[in-house]
Amino acid sequence: MVLKGKTILFLGDSITEGMGASDVSKCYVSLIADEEGADCINYGISGTRIARQRKPSEDPKHDLDFLSRVPKMQEKADCIVVFGGTNDFGHGDAPLGTFEDRSPYTFYGALHLLYIALIEKYPDAHIVVITPLHRLMEEDACGSVQKETPTTDLKGYVEIIRQVAQYYSLPVLDLFATSGLQPSVPVIQEKFLPDGLHPSDEGYARLAHQIVRFLKSL
């Protein structure tokens, strides 16, 4: 896919919003727009999750789950990029559910409903899924919310994202497997992921490069 002149919508959380960058112009969405001449619309909201929560969060904006935001996205687009899941692992209260679920209150169900909603709204567009990056404390959820069983580590969330995307034949950029950003390696954390989760300017530049390369392969 040639990116120049294309309209690309990015639906995500704090990493899409640009948290950790020195300026909004340094987040990966802005970098792609500037470097490729694409019309990139940023629908990233910090703290948000794919699955709907049963208990309200302290900050109401964290409960603006991805599915609930689809109706407010603009009507026309050439490509939609969905980049989320790390907050479902980190501080979400939704159970994983099963592949058969179609409830917004389970992770499986919310993914199904999200992908269906995007396909129905943008039947002619490329819909692309990006898996979460590695983060510190991947083995256990790192919030105060007690998760319902069954639960899993971050890799389990990544595998579910890939499984459901594959069902709808949506391309997946697996940054968990291929980004090279593993914050448990001190030099990588210092340079690219200073807080163990959010990229630095250098980290966002690397993300932008990898996402551009993937989109151009479509």
Protein backbone atom coordinates (compact mmCIF):
# COMPACT_ATOMS: atom_id res chain seq x y z
CA MET A 1 0.00 0.00 0.00
CA VAL A 2 1.30 3.43 -0.94
CA LEU A 3 0.87 5.65 2.12
CA LYS A 4 1.19 9.07 0.55
CA GLY A 5 -2.21 10.76 0.42
CA LYS A 6 -3.93 7.91 2.25
CA THR A 7 -6.18 8.49 5.28
CA ILE A 8 -5.10 6.27 8.17
CA LEU A 9 -6.96 6.08 11.49
CA PHE A 10 -5.08 4.91 14.57
CA LEU A 11 -7.20 3.49 17.40
CA GLY A 12 -5.19 2.87 20.54
CA ASP A 13 -4.11 3.75 24.06
CA SER A 14 -1.33 5.88 25.56
CA ILE A 15 1.32 4.59 23.16
CA THR A 16 -0.80 5.76 20.23
CA GLU A 17 -1.62 9.02 22.03
CA GLY A 18 2.12 9.61 22.41
CA MET A 19 2.77 9.36 26.14
CA GLY A 20 6.50 9.41 26.83
CA ALA A 21 7.38 11.47 23.76
CA SER A 22 8.99 14.85 24.28
CA ASP A 23 6.34 16.38 22.03
CA VAL A 24 3.25 15.16 20.18
CA SER A 25 5.17 15.60 16.93
CA LYS A 26 7.49 12.79 18.09
CA CYS A 27 4.79 10.13 18.57
CA TYR A 28 4.65 7.39 15.97
CA VAL A 29 1.39 8.62 14.42
CA SER A 30 2.81 12.10 13.78
CA LEU A 31 6.06 10.68 12.47
CA ILE A 32 4.23 8.51 9.93
CA ALA A 33 2.16 11.49 8.79
CA ASP A 34 5.20 13.74 8.39
CA GLU A 35 7.51 11.20 6.79
CA GLU A 36 5.03 9.50 4.46
CA GLY A 37 2.65 12.31 3.54
CA ALA A 38 -0.36 10.41 4.89
CA ASP A 39 -3.37 11.95 6.60
CA CYS A 40 -3.04 10.26 9.99
CA ILE A 41 -5.85 10.71 12.54
CA ASN A 42 -4.91 9.86 16.13
CA TYR A 43 -7.66 8.20 18.18
CA GLY A 44 -5.34 7.16 20.99
CA ILE A 45 -6.55 7.71 24.56
CA SER A 46 -4.28 6.99 27.49
CA GLY A 47 -5.32 4.22 29.87
CA THR A 48 -8.02 2.76 27.64
CA ARG A 49 -8.66 -0.93 27.06
CA ILE A 50 -10.18 -3.16 24.43
CA ALA A 51 -12.64 -4.87 26.80
CA ARG A 52 -15.35 -2.97 28.64
CA GLN A 53 -14.93 -2.69 32.41
CA ARG A 54 -17.43 -3.82 35.02
CA LYS A 55 -16.24 -1.42 37.71
CA PRO A 56 -15.73 2.28 36.88
CA SER A 57 -12.14 3.48 36.83
CA GLU A 58 -10.96 6.43 38.91
CA ASP A 59 -10.41 8.33 35.67
CA PRO A 60 -13.58 8.04 33.51
CA LYS A 61 -11.62 8.38 30.27
CA HIS A 62 -9.95 5.02 30.98
CA ASP A 63 -13.35 3.38 30.48
CA LEU A 64 -13.66 4.60 26.89
CA ASP A 65 -13.12 1.12 25.51
CA PHE A 66 -12.11 0.75 21.88
CA LEU A 67 -15.49 -0.52 20.67
CA SER A 68 -17.38 2.43 22.19
CA ARG A 69 -15.18 4.85 20.23
CA VAL A 70 -15.72 3.35 16.78
CA PRO A 71 -19.00 5.27 16.11
CA LYS A 72 -17.19 8.57 16.75
CA MET A 73 -14.40 7.84 14.25
CA GLN A 74 -14.65 9.58 10.90
CA GLU A 75 -16.59 7.81 8.20
CA LYS A 76 -13.99 7.52 5.44
CA ALA A 77 -10.56 5.93 5.69
CA ASP A 78 -8.15 3.90 3.62
CA CYS A 79 -6.65 2.08 6.60
CA ILE A 80 -7.44 1.55 10.29
CA VAL A 81 -4.73 0.50 12.71
CA VAL A 82 -5.75 -1.06 16.05
CA PHE A 83 -3.00 -1.04 18.66
CA GLY A 84 -4.05 -2.07 22.17
CA GLY A 85 -4.29 -4.76 24.82
CA THR A 86 -1.53 -3.80 27.22
CA ASN A 87 -3.98 -2.04 29.56
CA ASP A 88 -6.37 -4.99 29.50
CA PHE A 89 -3.47 -6.98 30.89
CA GLY A 90 -2.14 -4.26 33.15
CA HIS A 91 -5.23 -2.95 34.93
CA GLY A 92 -8.37 -4.35 33.34
CA ASP A 93 -11.08 -6.20 35.25
CA ALA A 94 -12.56 -8.08 32.29
CA PRO A 95 -12.12 -11.87 32.21
CA LEU A 96 -10.59 -13.42 29.14
CA GLY A 97 -13.73 -15.37 28.26
CA THR A 98 -13.67 -17.86 25.39
CA PHE A 99 -13.37 -17.66 21.61
CA GLU A 100 -17.14 -18.11 21.31
CA ASP A 101 -17.88 -14.99 23.39
CA ARG A 102 -19.49 -11.96 21.81
CA SER A 103 -19.70 -9.85 24.95
CA PRO A 104 -17.88 -6.51 25.29
CA TYR A 105 -17.14 -7.45 28.92
CA THR A 106 -14.70 -10.25 28.03
CA PHE A 107 -11.43 -9.82 26.19
CA TYR A 108 -12.29 -12.38 23.53
CA GLY A 109 -15.78 -10.97 23.04
CA ALA A 110 -14.62 -7.37 22.87
CA LEU A 111 -12.09 -8.23 20.17
CA HIS A 112 -14.76 -9.97 18.09
CA LEU A 113 -17.16 -7.05 18.42
CA LEU A 114 -14.45 -4.49 17.71
CA TYR A 115 -13.26 -6.18 14.54
CA ILE A 116 -16.83 -6.73 13.33
CA ALA A 117 -17.70 -3.06 13.96
CA LEU A 118 -14.64 -1.86 12.05
CA ILE A 119 -15.25 -4.24 9.13
CA GLU A 120 -18.88 -3.13 8.87
CA LYS A 121 -17.99 0.57 9.05
CA TYR A 122 -14.96 0.35 6.74
CA PRO A 123 -15.59 -2.61 4.39
CA ASP A 124 -13.23 -1.28 1.72
CA ALA A 125 -10.38 -0.28 4.04
CA HIS A 126 -7.32 -2.15 5.23
CA ILE A 127 -7.83 -3.03 8.91
CA VAL A 128 -4.57 -3.82 10.64
CA VAL A 129 -3.91 -5.14 14.15
CA ILE A 130 -0.77 -4.49 16.20
CA THR A 131 0.07 -6.55 19.29
CA PRO A 132 1.30 -4.98 22.54
CA LEU A 133 4.96 -4.35 23.16
CA HIS A 134 6.86 -6.12 25.89
CA ARG A 135 6.64 -4.31 29.21
CA LEU A 136 8.09 -4.74 32.66
CA MET A 137 6.12 -7.05 34.98
CA GLU A 138 4.72 -9.20 32.18
CA GLU A 139 4.01 -12.22 34.37
CA ASP A 140 1.47 -10.50 36.63
CA ALA A 141 -1.03 -7.72 36.12
CA CYS A 142 0.58 -4.59 37.52
CA GLY A 143 -2.44 -2.75 38.86
CA SER A 144 -4.56 -2.93 41.98
CA VAL A 145 -7.52 -4.48 40.15
CA GLN A 146 -8.05 -8.14 40.97
CA LYS A 147 -8.61 -10.05 37.75
CA GLU A 148 -11.23 -12.76 37.48
CA THR A 149 -10.12 -16.20 36.41
CA PRO A 150 -9.11 -17.36 33.89
CA THR A 151 -6.20 -14.96 33.49
CA THR A 152 -2.86 -15.09 31.73
CA ASP A 153 0.40 -13.26 31.20
CA LEU A 154 0.90 -10.59 28.55
CA LYS A 155 1.94 -13.19 25.99
CA GLY A 156 -1.46 -14.82 26.46
CA TYR A 157 -3.21 -11.57 25.55
CA VAL A 158 -1.00 -11.30 22.47
CA GLU A 159 -1.94 -14.83 21.41
CA ILE A 160 -5.65 -14.06 21.81
CA ILE A 161 -5.31 -10.89 19.72
CA ARG A 162 -3.59 -12.89 16.99
CA GLN A 163 -6.17 -15.69 17.16
CA VAL A 164 -9.20 -13.44 16.79
CA ALA A 165 -7.58 -11.28 14.10
CA GLN A 166 -6.74 -14.42 12.13
CA TYR A 167 -10.39 -15.49 12.29
CA TYR A 168 -11.33 -12.28 10.45
CA SER A 169 -8.25 -12.55 8.18
CA LEU A 170 -6.86 -9.24 9.47
CA PRO A 171 -3.12 -8.59 9.05
CA VAL A 172 -1.20 -8.60 12.33
CA LEU A 173 2.02 -6.78 13.06
CA ASP A 174 3.39 -8.72 16.03
CA LEU A 175 5.54 -6.14 17.80
CA PHE A 176 5.64 -8.39 20.86
CA ALA A 177 7.69 -10.80 18.77
CA THR A 178 9.57 -8.51 16.40
CA SER A 179 9.97 -4.94 17.74
CA GLY A 180 13.34 -5.54 19.39
CA LEU A 181 12.03 -3.54 22.36
CA GLN A 182 12.47 -5.66 25.49
CA PRO A 183 12.68 -3.37 28.53
CA SER A 184 14.10 -6.11 30.75
CA VAL A 185 17.37 -5.44 28.89
CA PRO A 186 18.78 -2.34 30.65
CA VAL A 187 20.23 -0.66 27.57
CA ILE A 188 16.94 -1.09 25.69
CA GLN A 189 14.90 0.32 28.55
CA GLU A 190 17.19 3.31 29.00
CA LYS A 191 17.21 4.22 25.32
CA PHE A 192 13.77 3.21 24.04
CA LEU A 193 11.33 2.50 26.95
CA PRO A 194 12.44 4.59 29.96
CA ASP A 195 9.46 3.74 32.18
CA GLY A 196 9.32 0.12 31.04
CA LEU A 197 6.25 0.66 28.87
CA HIS A 198 6.05 3.97 26.98
CA PRO A 199 8.55 4.70 24.21
CA SER A 200 11.00 7.57 24.19
CA ASP A 201 11.42 9.69 21.07
CA GLU A 202 13.89 7.06 19.84
CA GLY A 203 11.40 4.31 20.64
CA TYR A 204 8.62 6.05 18.75
CA ALA A 205 10.91 6.49 15.74
CA ARG A 206 11.57 2.75 15.74
CA LEU A 207 7.84 2.00 16.00
CA ALA A 208 7.04 4.37 13.15
CA HIS A 209 9.62 2.70 10.92
CA GLN A 210 8.29 -0.79 11.65
CA ILE A 211 4.65 0.19 11.19
CA VAL A 212 5.38 1.99 7.92
CA ARG A 213 7.25 -1.02 6.59
CA PHE A 214 4.34 -3.27 7.51
CA LEU A 215 1.67 -1.02 6.00
CA LYS A 216 3.63 -0.70 2.77
CA SER A 217 3.68 -4.50 2.52
CA LEU A 218 -0.13 -4.69 2.33
